[in-house]
Amino acid sequence: CEQLKVTNRKSLAYISKRPGKTQQFNYFAVNDKAGKEKEIKYGDEVLGEKDPDSFYILDVPGFGFAKVPVEQRQAWSDFLAEYIQTRKTLKVIFHLIDGRHGPIDEDSKIMKQIGEMKPAGVKYVIVLTKADKNVKGPSAKNSGKVSKDVLTKVRKAAKANNVGTAPILLTSSQTNLGRDDVWRFMRLAAES
């Protein structure tokens, strides 16, 4: 749940040590009903207007790492496709890819899916995670990086799947590298 690190709320979601543990689509309200976030539980009816600067983060399963049957993976893919095509308030899609290894086959499939069906006006951003794992002893001066090989693989996969102009961000949940960049895209989405 590296994408949830940007919220600065450690208790927002359980984060497993093993990748692929997210088995469902999880929605998180951000900036809505400030001060009441711990009182509101799933399924509660929340009265009143939505705060004007609020938005949702949708955390989807890590398709490439989840140990699930092919049918379940297909159901996720179908739901994601429908969500992308029909969600009127969708403004930005962050595609998280492990920055140590680059895109795997599932990442290329997701890129292709997004390249084929992303509505106009929706921004697609590639986020390379775990950039701190590629440096010895990350510090303030060197908070993370990815290899040229990984960056080349990402650019090549993006171009091949019709998302070649997507911005690529480097992030680290350990050093906070890229957090402000991710927030810039979220802010643009919330303000549009």
Protein backbone atom coordinates (compact mmCIF):
# COMPACT_ATOMS: atom_id res chain seq x y z
CA CYS A 1 0.00 0.00 0.00
CA GLU A 2 2.79 2.39 -0.87
CA GLN A 3 0.26 4.69 -2.52
CA LEU A 4 -1.45 5.19 0.84
CA LYS A 5 1.79 6.50 2.37
CA VAL A 6 1.04 9.88 0.77
CA THR A 7 -1.91 10.33 3.14
CA ASN A 8 0.40 10.43 6.21
CA ARG A 9 -2.03 8.10 8.05
CA LYS A 10 -0.23 4.96 9.21
CA SER A 11 -3.42 3.26 10.39
CA LEU A 12 -5.33 3.82 7.15
CA ALA A 13 -4.86 0.23 5.97
CA TYR A 14 -3.14 -2.95 7.02
CA ILE A 15 0.07 -3.42 5.07
CA SER A 16 1.37 -6.97 4.76
CA LYS A 17 5.04 -7.88 4.53
CA ARG A 18 4.18 -10.21 1.62
CA PRO A 19 3.16 -8.71 -1.72
CA GLY A 20 -0.15 -9.74 -3.24
CA LYS A 21 -2.18 -9.80 -0.02
CA THR A 22 -4.72 -7.22 -1.21
CA GLN A 23 -7.54 -9.39 -2.53
CA GLN A 24 -10.23 -6.77 -3.04
CA PHE A 25 -10.76 -3.24 -4.30
CA ASN A 26 -10.51 -0.85 -1.33
CA TYR A 27 -11.83 2.73 -1.41
CA PHE A 28 -10.34 5.38 0.86
CA ALA A 29 -11.88 8.83 1.34
CA VAL A 30 -9.26 11.59 1.63
CA ASN A 31 -9.99 15.02 3.18
CA ASP A 32 -13.66 14.19 3.80
CA LYS A 33 -15.22 14.85 7.20
CA ALA A 34 -11.97 15.98 8.79
CA GLY A 35 -11.68 14.88 12.41
CA LYS A 36 -14.28 12.12 12.01
CA GLU A 37 -12.29 9.62 9.93
CA LYS A 38 -11.87 7.23 12.87
CA GLU A 39 -15.59 7.36 13.70
CA ILE A 40 -16.83 6.41 10.23
CA LYS A 41 -16.85 2.70 9.41
CA TYR A 42 -17.55 0.85 6.16
CA GLY A 43 -21.26 0.84 5.41
CA ASP A 44 -22.07 3.85 7.63
CA GLU A 45 -24.44 6.40 6.16
CA VAL A 46 -22.62 9.72 6.26
CA LEU A 47 -24.96 12.68 6.25
CA GLY A 48 -24.20 16.09 4.81
CA GLU A 49 -22.31 17.34 1.81
CA LYS A 50 -19.01 15.90 0.73
CA ASP A 51 -16.13 18.26 1.56
CA PRO A 52 -15.19 20.19 -1.61
CA ASP A 53 -11.50 19.20 -1.47
CA SER A 54 -12.16 15.52 -0.80
CA PHE A 55 -11.51 12.64 -3.18
CA TYR A 56 -11.14 8.88 -3.16
CA ILE A 57 -8.17 6.60 -3.59
CA LEU A 58 -8.97 3.17 -4.98
CA ASP A 59 -6.41 0.54 -4.00
CA VAL A 60 -6.55 -2.44 -6.34
CA PRO A 61 -4.98 -5.87 -5.91
CA GLY A 62 -1.42 -6.34 -7.18
CA PHE A 63 -2.37 -8.43 -10.21
CA GLY A 64 1.13 -9.83 -10.68
CA PHE A 65 1.69 -10.92 -7.09
CA ALA A 66 -1.67 -12.13 -5.83
CA LYS A 67 -1.88 -15.90 -5.51
CA VAL A 68 -5.39 -16.30 -6.92
CA PRO A 69 -7.03 -18.43 -9.60
CA VAL A 70 -7.00 -17.16 -13.19
CA GLU A 71 -10.78 -16.60 -12.98
CA GLN A 72 -10.36 -14.24 -10.01
CA ARG A 73 -7.60 -12.30 -11.79
CA GLN A 74 -9.90 -11.98 -14.85
CA ALA A 75 -12.76 -10.76 -12.66
CA TRP A 76 -10.46 -8.06 -11.25
CA SER A 77 -9.38 -7.08 -14.75
CA ASP A 78 -13.01 -6.87 -15.91
CA PHE A 79 -13.98 -4.75 -12.90
CA LEU A 80 -11.02 -2.43 -13.45
CA ALA A 81 -11.94 -2.02 -17.12
CA GLU A 82 -15.54 -1.17 -16.25
CA TYR A 83 -14.40 1.22 -13.52
CA ILE A 84 -12.03 3.07 -15.87
CA GLN A 85 -14.64 3.37 -18.61
CA THR A 86 -17.64 4.36 -16.50
CA ARG A 87 -16.33 6.26 -13.47
CA LYS A 88 -17.23 9.86 -14.30
CA THR A 89 -15.17 11.32 -11.46
CA LEU A 90 -11.97 9.44 -12.34
CA LYS A 91 -9.16 11.96 -12.84
CA VAL A 92 -5.87 10.09 -12.45
CA ILE A 93 -4.65 6.49 -12.53
CA PHE A 94 -1.45 5.67 -10.68
CA HIS A 95 0.13 2.43 -11.87
CA LEU A 96 2.60 1.17 -9.26
CA ILE A 97 5.52 -0.89 -10.57
CA ASP A 98 8.34 -2.32 -8.46
CA GLY A 99 11.33 -0.10 -9.24
CA ARG A 100 13.80 -2.90 -8.49
CA HIS A 101 12.56 -5.12 -11.33
CA GLY A 102 10.55 -3.02 -13.76
CA PRO A 103 7.33 -4.08 -15.46
CA ILE A 104 6.25 -7.72 -15.43
CA ASP A 105 3.79 -9.24 -17.91
CA GLU A 106 0.79 -8.18 -15.78
CA ASP A 107 2.03 -4.57 -15.82
CA SER A 108 2.19 -4.62 -19.62
CA LYS A 109 -1.36 -6.02 -19.74
CA ILE A 110 -2.58 -3.22 -17.47
CA MET A 111 -0.77 -0.62 -19.59
CA LYS A 112 -2.42 -2.05 -22.70
CA GLN A 113 -5.84 -2.03 -21.04
CA ILE A 114 -5.40 1.59 -19.95
CA GLY A 115 -3.99 2.61 -23.34
CA GLU A 116 -7.05 1.19 -25.07
CA MET A 117 -9.78 2.51 -22.79
CA LYS A 118 -8.60 5.47 -20.73
CA PRO A 119 -11.08 8.30 -21.24
CA ALA A 120 -9.83 11.68 -22.44
CA GLY A 121 -9.06 13.94 -19.52
CA VAL A 122 -7.90 11.10 -17.26
CA LYS A 123 -4.19 11.25 -16.43
CA TYR A 124 -2.14 8.03 -16.32
CA VAL A 125 1.00 8.09 -14.15
CA ILE A 126 3.58 5.33 -13.78
CA VAL A 127 4.98 5.14 -10.25
CA LEU A 128 8.19 3.20 -9.70
CA THR A 129 8.17 2.09 -6.05
CA LYS A 130 10.90 0.95 -3.66
CA ALA A 131 13.51 3.30 -5.14
CA ASP A 132 15.29 3.27 -1.76
CA LYS A 133 16.05 -0.45 -2.22
CA ASN A 134 18.40 0.37 -5.11
CA VAL A 135 20.86 2.39 -3.03
CA LYS A 136 23.06 1.40 -0.09
CA GLY A 137 22.04 3.30 3.00
CA PRO A 138 19.53 5.79 1.58
CA SER A 139 20.13 9.31 2.86
CA ALA A 140 18.78 12.82 2.41
CA LYS A 141 21.18 13.33 -0.51
CA ASN A 142 20.47 9.96 -2.14
CA SER A 143 16.93 8.92 -1.23
CA GLY A 144 16.52 6.47 -4.11
CA LYS A 145 16.97 5.61 -7.76
CA VAL A 146 16.20 2.97 -10.36
CA SER A 147 18.57 1.39 -12.84
CA LYS A 148 18.78 2.62 -16.43
CA ASP A 149 17.73 -0.90 -17.47
CA VAL A 150 14.50 -0.69 -15.45
CA LEU A 151 13.74 2.78 -16.78
CA THR A 152 14.34 1.59 -20.35
CA LYS A 153 12.01 -1.40 -19.79
CA VAL A 154 9.29 0.88 -18.41
CA ARG A 155 9.55 3.35 -21.30
CA LYS A 156 9.60 0.53 -23.85
CA ALA A 157 6.52 -1.17 -22.30
CA ALA A 158 4.67 2.15 -22.07
CA LYS A 159 5.39 3.00 -25.71
CA ALA A 160 4.39 -0.49 -26.90
CA ASN A 161 1.07 -0.20 -25.05
CA ASN A 162 0.01 3.27 -26.20
CA VAL A 163 0.81 5.06 -22.92
CA GLY A 164 4.28 6.25 -23.92
CA THR A 165 3.72 9.84 -22.82
CA ALA A 166 2.89 8.90 -19.24
CA PRO A 167 4.97 10.65 -16.59
CA ILE A 168 7.20 8.32 -14.55
CA LEU A 169 7.69 9.04 -10.85
CA LEU A 170 10.23 7.47 -8.49
CA THR A 171 8.95 6.82 -4.99
CA SER A 172 9.99 5.33 -1.70
CA SER A 173 7.73 4.83 1.30
CA GLN A 174 10.86 4.70 3.48
CA THR A 175 12.46 7.99 2.42
CA ASN A 176 9.30 9.79 1.18
CA LEU A 177 10.95 10.24 -2.22
CA GLY A 178 8.29 11.21 -4.76
CA ARG A 179 5.53 11.82 -2.21
CA ASP A 180 5.21 15.48 -3.19
CA ASP A 181 5.13 14.54 -6.88
CA VAL A 182 2.27 12.11 -6.27
CA TRP A 183 0.42 14.79 -4.28
CA ARG A 184 0.81 17.24 -7.17
CA PHE A 185 -1.09 14.85 -9.45
CA MET A 186 -3.71 14.20 -6.77
CA ARG A 187 -4.14 17.93 -6.24
CA LEU A 188 -4.60 18.52 -9.97
CA ALA A 189 -7.21 15.79 -9.97
CA ALA A 190 -9.03 17.17 -6.92
CA GLU A 191 -9.07 20.70 -8.34
CA SER A 192 -10.36 19.79 -11.80
